[in-house]
Amino acid sequence: MTDKTSFDFTRLSEREKYKLLIGTVVPRPIALVTTVDQEGRANAAPISFFNCLSAEPAVLALGVENHDDLSFKDTARNIRATGVFTINIVSRAILEAMNVCAVPFAPDVDELKEAGLTALPGSMIRAPYIAQSPAAFECRSYLTLGIGNSREIILGEVLAAHIRSDIVNPRLHVDPAGLDAIGRMGGHGYSLTSETFDLPTMSIEQWEERKRAMELRTQHA
């Protein structure tokens, strides 16, 4: 058994915890979140503290960081004001555009325009979705949890989805190769999802059969 280095999280600084978490909880999916402010101006921001938590109700989760002075960033402020947001999946094709959206522009700057992305009107909410994204989910704010002073966990109930027609079949299976989603690693690292494999979950009967086969191989070794 290999040696392990142990860390007492009660004694680590916020930055130290962050480095260990983002370096090991990988790859994380990336949400390019589009919102609008009360004047209807669009905003887009990439968030990698993001995942799917439930299918019924259909709930997606965002971990949105606050500014250093603890004020809300545009995404969190807009969601509070309008109660809606759209999550756009980041594919390899829009990776560079996503990186442009991460630039700390002023609130009145349209990140989508700067990144060369096209905003399409939402079908059920005010927040637009991105034409170039392979999949987008229109969400209504479901629950917001304050996590300390530095971050909010925002749960959104999915009201509508827009998925590129050539990557979803009539059985609602989404082609992962066509989706070509990008994952976030630690630091400035990213990962591709173009190499995938299937691993079906075994039934009890299948596990027992496999266990017996392994025991027989061990006996005859």
Protein backbone atom coordinates (compact mmCIF):
# COMPACT_ATOMS: atom_id res chain seq x y z
CA MET A 1 0.00 0.00 0.00
CA THR A 2 1.36 3.44 -0.94
CA ASP A 3 2.02 6.12 1.65
CA LYS A 4 -0.58 8.89 2.10
CA THR A 5 -0.05 12.52 3.11
CA SER A 6 -2.83 13.58 5.47
CA PHE A 7 -4.23 17.09 5.91
CA ASP A 8 -6.26 18.48 8.81
CA PHE A 9 -8.74 20.80 7.04
CA THR A 10 -9.54 22.53 10.32
CA ARG A 11 -5.96 23.87 10.30
CA LEU A 12 -5.70 24.86 6.64
CA SER A 13 -6.21 28.32 5.20
CA GLU A 14 -8.97 28.97 2.65
CA ARG A 15 -6.40 29.04 -0.15
CA GLU A 16 -4.82 25.76 0.96
CA LYS A 17 -8.21 24.01 1.06
CA TYR A 18 -9.03 25.40 -2.37
CA LYS A 19 -5.81 24.10 -3.92
CA LEU A 20 -6.31 20.58 -2.56
CA LEU A 21 -9.97 20.43 -3.60
CA ILE A 22 -9.62 21.72 -7.17
CA GLY A 23 -6.56 19.56 -7.71
CA THR A 24 -8.26 16.32 -6.71
CA VAL A 25 -11.98 16.71 -7.49
CA VAL A 26 -11.42 16.48 -11.24
CA PRO A 27 -12.42 16.73 -13.97
CA ARG A 28 -15.21 19.16 -13.15
CA PRO A 29 -17.78 20.14 -15.80
CA ILE A 30 -17.85 23.80 -16.77
CA ALA A 31 -21.00 25.90 -16.85
CA LEU A 32 -20.87 29.03 -18.97
CA VAL A 33 -23.67 30.82 -17.13
CA THR A 34 -25.71 33.47 -18.91
CA THR A 35 -27.86 35.92 -16.96
CA VAL A 36 -29.43 39.33 -17.47
CA ASP A 37 -29.54 42.28 -15.11
CA GLN A 38 -32.67 44.27 -14.29
CA GLU A 39 -32.08 46.44 -17.37
CA GLY A 40 -31.94 43.35 -19.59
CA ARG A 41 -28.18 43.47 -20.25
CA ALA A 42 -26.65 40.04 -20.77
CA ASN A 43 -23.74 38.63 -18.77
CA ALA A 44 -21.74 35.42 -19.23
CA ALA A 45 -19.35 33.81 -16.76
CA PRO A 46 -17.69 30.36 -16.63
CA ILE A 47 -18.12 28.42 -13.38
CA SER A 48 -16.43 25.07 -12.72
CA PHE A 49 -17.97 24.52 -9.28
CA PHE A 50 -20.93 23.02 -11.10
CA ASN A 51 -22.80 19.72 -11.37
CA CYS A 52 -26.13 17.91 -11.72
CA LEU A 53 -27.71 16.98 -8.37
CA SER A 54 -31.19 15.66 -9.12
CA ALA A 55 -33.43 14.50 -11.97
CA GLU A 56 -36.83 14.95 -10.24
CA PRO A 57 -36.94 17.79 -9.73
CA ALA A 58 -34.25 18.46 -12.33
CA VAL A 59 -31.71 20.47 -10.36
CA LEU A 60 -28.30 21.82 -11.36
CA ALA A 61 -25.93 23.38 -8.82
CA LEU A 62 -23.52 26.29 -9.08
CA GLY A 63 -20.89 27.38 -6.59
CA VAL A 64 -20.56 31.13 -7.25
CA GLU A 65 -17.64 32.94 -5.64
CA ASN A 66 -17.98 36.49 -4.33
CA HIS A 67 -15.54 39.34 -4.94
CA ASP A 68 -12.64 39.78 -2.53
CA ASP A 69 -14.61 42.52 -0.75
CA LEU A 70 -17.46 39.95 -0.35
CA SER A 71 -19.77 41.78 -2.75
CA PHE A 72 -21.69 39.67 -5.27
CA LYS A 73 -20.28 39.06 -8.72
CA ASP A 74 -22.53 39.82 -11.69
CA THR A 75 -23.83 36.23 -11.97
CA ALA A 76 -25.00 36.00 -8.36
CA ARG A 77 -26.39 39.53 -8.36
CA ASN A 78 -28.34 38.99 -11.58
CA ILE A 79 -29.79 35.69 -10.38
CA ARG A 80 -30.93 37.38 -7.17
CA ALA A 81 -32.55 40.17 -9.17
CA THR A 82 -34.27 38.08 -11.87
CA GLY A 83 -34.52 34.58 -10.35
CA VAL A 84 -33.32 32.89 -13.57
CA PHE A 85 -30.14 31.81 -15.34
CA THR A 86 -29.02 29.57 -18.20
CA ILE A 87 -26.22 27.01 -18.06
CA ASN A 88 -24.37 26.49 -21.33
CA ILE A 89 -22.10 23.46 -21.61
CA VAL A 90 -18.58 24.34 -22.71
CA SER A 91 -17.30 22.27 -25.64
CA ARG A 92 -13.84 22.30 -27.18
CA ALA A 93 -15.17 24.51 -29.98
CA ILE A 94 -16.00 27.38 -27.60
CA LEU A 95 -13.12 26.92 -25.15
CA GLU A 96 -11.33 30.11 -26.23
CA ALA A 97 -14.57 32.08 -26.16
CA MET A 98 -15.25 30.81 -22.62
CA ASN A 99 -11.82 32.06 -21.58
CA VAL A 100 -12.71 35.52 -22.90
CA CYS A 101 -15.87 35.45 -20.78
CA ALA A 102 -13.66 34.86 -17.72
CA VAL A 103 -11.98 38.28 -18.17
CA PRO A 104 -13.10 40.57 -15.27
CA PHE A 105 -14.97 43.05 -17.45
CA ALA A 106 -17.05 45.86 -15.98
CA PRO A 107 -20.77 45.03 -15.46
CA ASP A 108 -21.80 47.05 -18.52
CA VAL A 109 -19.57 45.05 -20.91
CA ASP A 110 -21.26 42.31 -22.94
CA GLU A 111 -18.97 39.28 -22.56
CA LEU A 112 -20.84 37.36 -25.25
CA LYS A 113 -20.14 40.09 -27.80
CA GLU A 114 -16.49 40.32 -26.77
CA ALA A 115 -16.14 36.53 -27.13
CA GLY A 116 -17.90 36.40 -30.50
CA LEU A 117 -20.75 34.26 -29.14
CA THR A 118 -24.38 34.54 -30.23
CA ALA A 119 -27.13 35.03 -27.65
CA LEU A 120 -30.48 33.42 -28.47
CA PRO A 121 -33.63 34.35 -26.53
CA GLY A 122 -34.70 31.87 -23.86
CA SER A 123 -37.92 29.99 -24.50
CA MET A 124 -39.14 30.17 -20.89
CA ILE A 125 -36.92 32.70 -19.11
CA ARG A 126 -35.32 36.08 -19.77
CA ALA A 127 -31.73 34.79 -19.70
CA PRO A 128 -30.44 33.93 -23.19
CA TYR A 129 -28.66 30.77 -24.24
CA ILE A 130 -25.57 30.52 -26.42
CA ALA A 131 -26.05 29.36 -30.01
CA GLN A 132 -22.56 27.85 -30.24
CA SER A 133 -22.92 25.75 -27.07
CA PRO A 134 -23.85 22.09 -27.75
CA ALA A 135 -26.34 22.07 -24.86
CA ALA A 136 -27.99 24.68 -22.68
CA PHE A 137 -30.38 24.52 -19.72
CA GLU A 138 -32.78 27.29 -18.79
CA CYS A 139 -33.09 27.37 -15.00
CA ARG A 140 -35.26 29.00 -12.38
CA SER A 141 -33.62 29.73 -9.03
CA TYR A 142 -34.69 26.92 -6.70
CA LEU A 143 -32.64 27.46 -3.55
CA THR A 144 -29.62 29.55 -2.56
CA LEU A 145 -27.30 28.58 0.28
CA GLY A 146 -24.83 31.04 1.78
CA ILE A 147 -21.55 29.18 2.37
CA GLY A 148 -19.55 31.43 4.68
CA ASN A 149 -18.95 34.91 3.28
CA SER A 150 -17.04 34.00 0.15
CA ARG A 151 -19.41 31.80 -1.85
CA GLU A 152 -23.02 30.93 -2.59
CA ILE A 153 -24.40 27.58 -3.68
CA ILE A 154 -27.19 28.27 -6.17
CA LEU A 155 -29.56 25.46 -7.09
CA GLY A 156 -31.51 25.89 -10.29
CA GLU A 157 -34.53 23.92 -11.47
CA VAL A 158 -34.27 23.15 -15.18
CA LEU A 159 -37.29 24.43 -17.11
CA ALA A 160 -36.06 23.84 -20.67
CA ALA A 161 -33.11 22.35 -22.52
CA HIS A 162 -31.65 23.16 -25.93
CA ILE A 163 -29.43 20.34 -27.26
CA ARG A 164 -27.85 20.23 -30.70
CA SER A 165 -30.05 17.96 -32.79
CA ASP A 166 -27.23 15.84 -34.19
CA ILE A 167 -26.02 14.71 -30.74
CA VAL A 168 -29.32 13.60 -29.14
CA ASN A 169 -31.34 10.63 -30.44
CA PRO A 170 -35.06 9.79 -30.06
CA ARG A 171 -34.25 7.72 -26.95
CA LEU A 172 -32.74 10.89 -25.40
CA HIS A 173 -29.21 9.49 -25.40
CA VAL A 174 -26.65 12.27 -25.81
CA ASP A 175 -23.54 11.44 -27.83
CA PRO A 176 -20.53 12.31 -25.62
CA ALA A 177 -18.20 12.55 -28.61
CA GLY A 178 -20.51 15.03 -30.28
CA LEU A 179 -20.94 16.99 -27.05
CA ASP A 180 -17.13 17.20 -26.78
CA ALA A 181 -17.36 18.79 -23.34
CA ILE A 182 -14.32 20.28 -21.63
CA GLY A 183 -13.45 19.44 -18.02
CA ARG A 184 -11.67 21.66 -15.51
CA MET A 185 -8.59 20.42 -13.70
CA GLY A 186 -6.48 22.14 -11.04
CA GLY A 187 -4.81 25.51 -11.63
CA HIS A 188 -5.08 26.53 -15.28
CA GLY A 189 -5.55 22.93 -16.43
CA TYR A 190 -8.35 21.55 -18.58
CA SER A 191 -9.19 18.08 -19.88
CA LEU A 192 -10.93 16.60 -22.93
CA THR A 193 -13.75 14.06 -22.82
CA SER A 194 -13.15 12.62 -26.28
CA GLU A 195 -11.79 9.36 -24.84
CA THR A 196 -14.55 7.51 -22.98
CA PHE A 197 -15.45 3.93 -22.09
CA ASP A 198 -18.44 1.99 -20.76
CA LEU A 199 -18.45 0.12 -17.45
CA PRO A 200 -21.90 -1.35 -16.63
CA THR A 201 -22.82 -1.74 -12.96
CA MET A 202 -22.92 -5.41 -12.00
CA SER A 203 -25.89 -7.20 -10.47
CA ILE A 204 -25.40 -9.27 -7.31
CA GLU A 205 -25.47 -12.41 -9.47
CA GLN A 206 -22.81 -11.07 -11.81
CA TRP A 207 -20.59 -10.08 -8.90
CA GLU A 208 -20.92 -13.51 -7.28
CA GLU A 209 -20.04 -15.18 -10.58
CA ARG A 210 -17.02 -12.93 -11.00
CA LYS A 211 -15.93 -13.55 -7.40
CA ARG A 212 -16.09 -17.32 -7.90
CA ALA A 213 -14.05 -17.04 -11.08
CA MET A 214 -11.39 -15.00 -9.29
CA GLU A 215 -11.24 -17.51 -6.45
CA LEU A 216 -10.78 -20.39 -8.95
CA ARG A 217 -7.96 -18.53 -10.68
CA THR A 218 -6.27 -17.93 -7.32
CA GLN A 219 -6.54 -21.63 -6.39
CA HIS A 220 -4.95 -22.71 -9.69
CA ALA A 221 -2.23 -20.05 -9.68
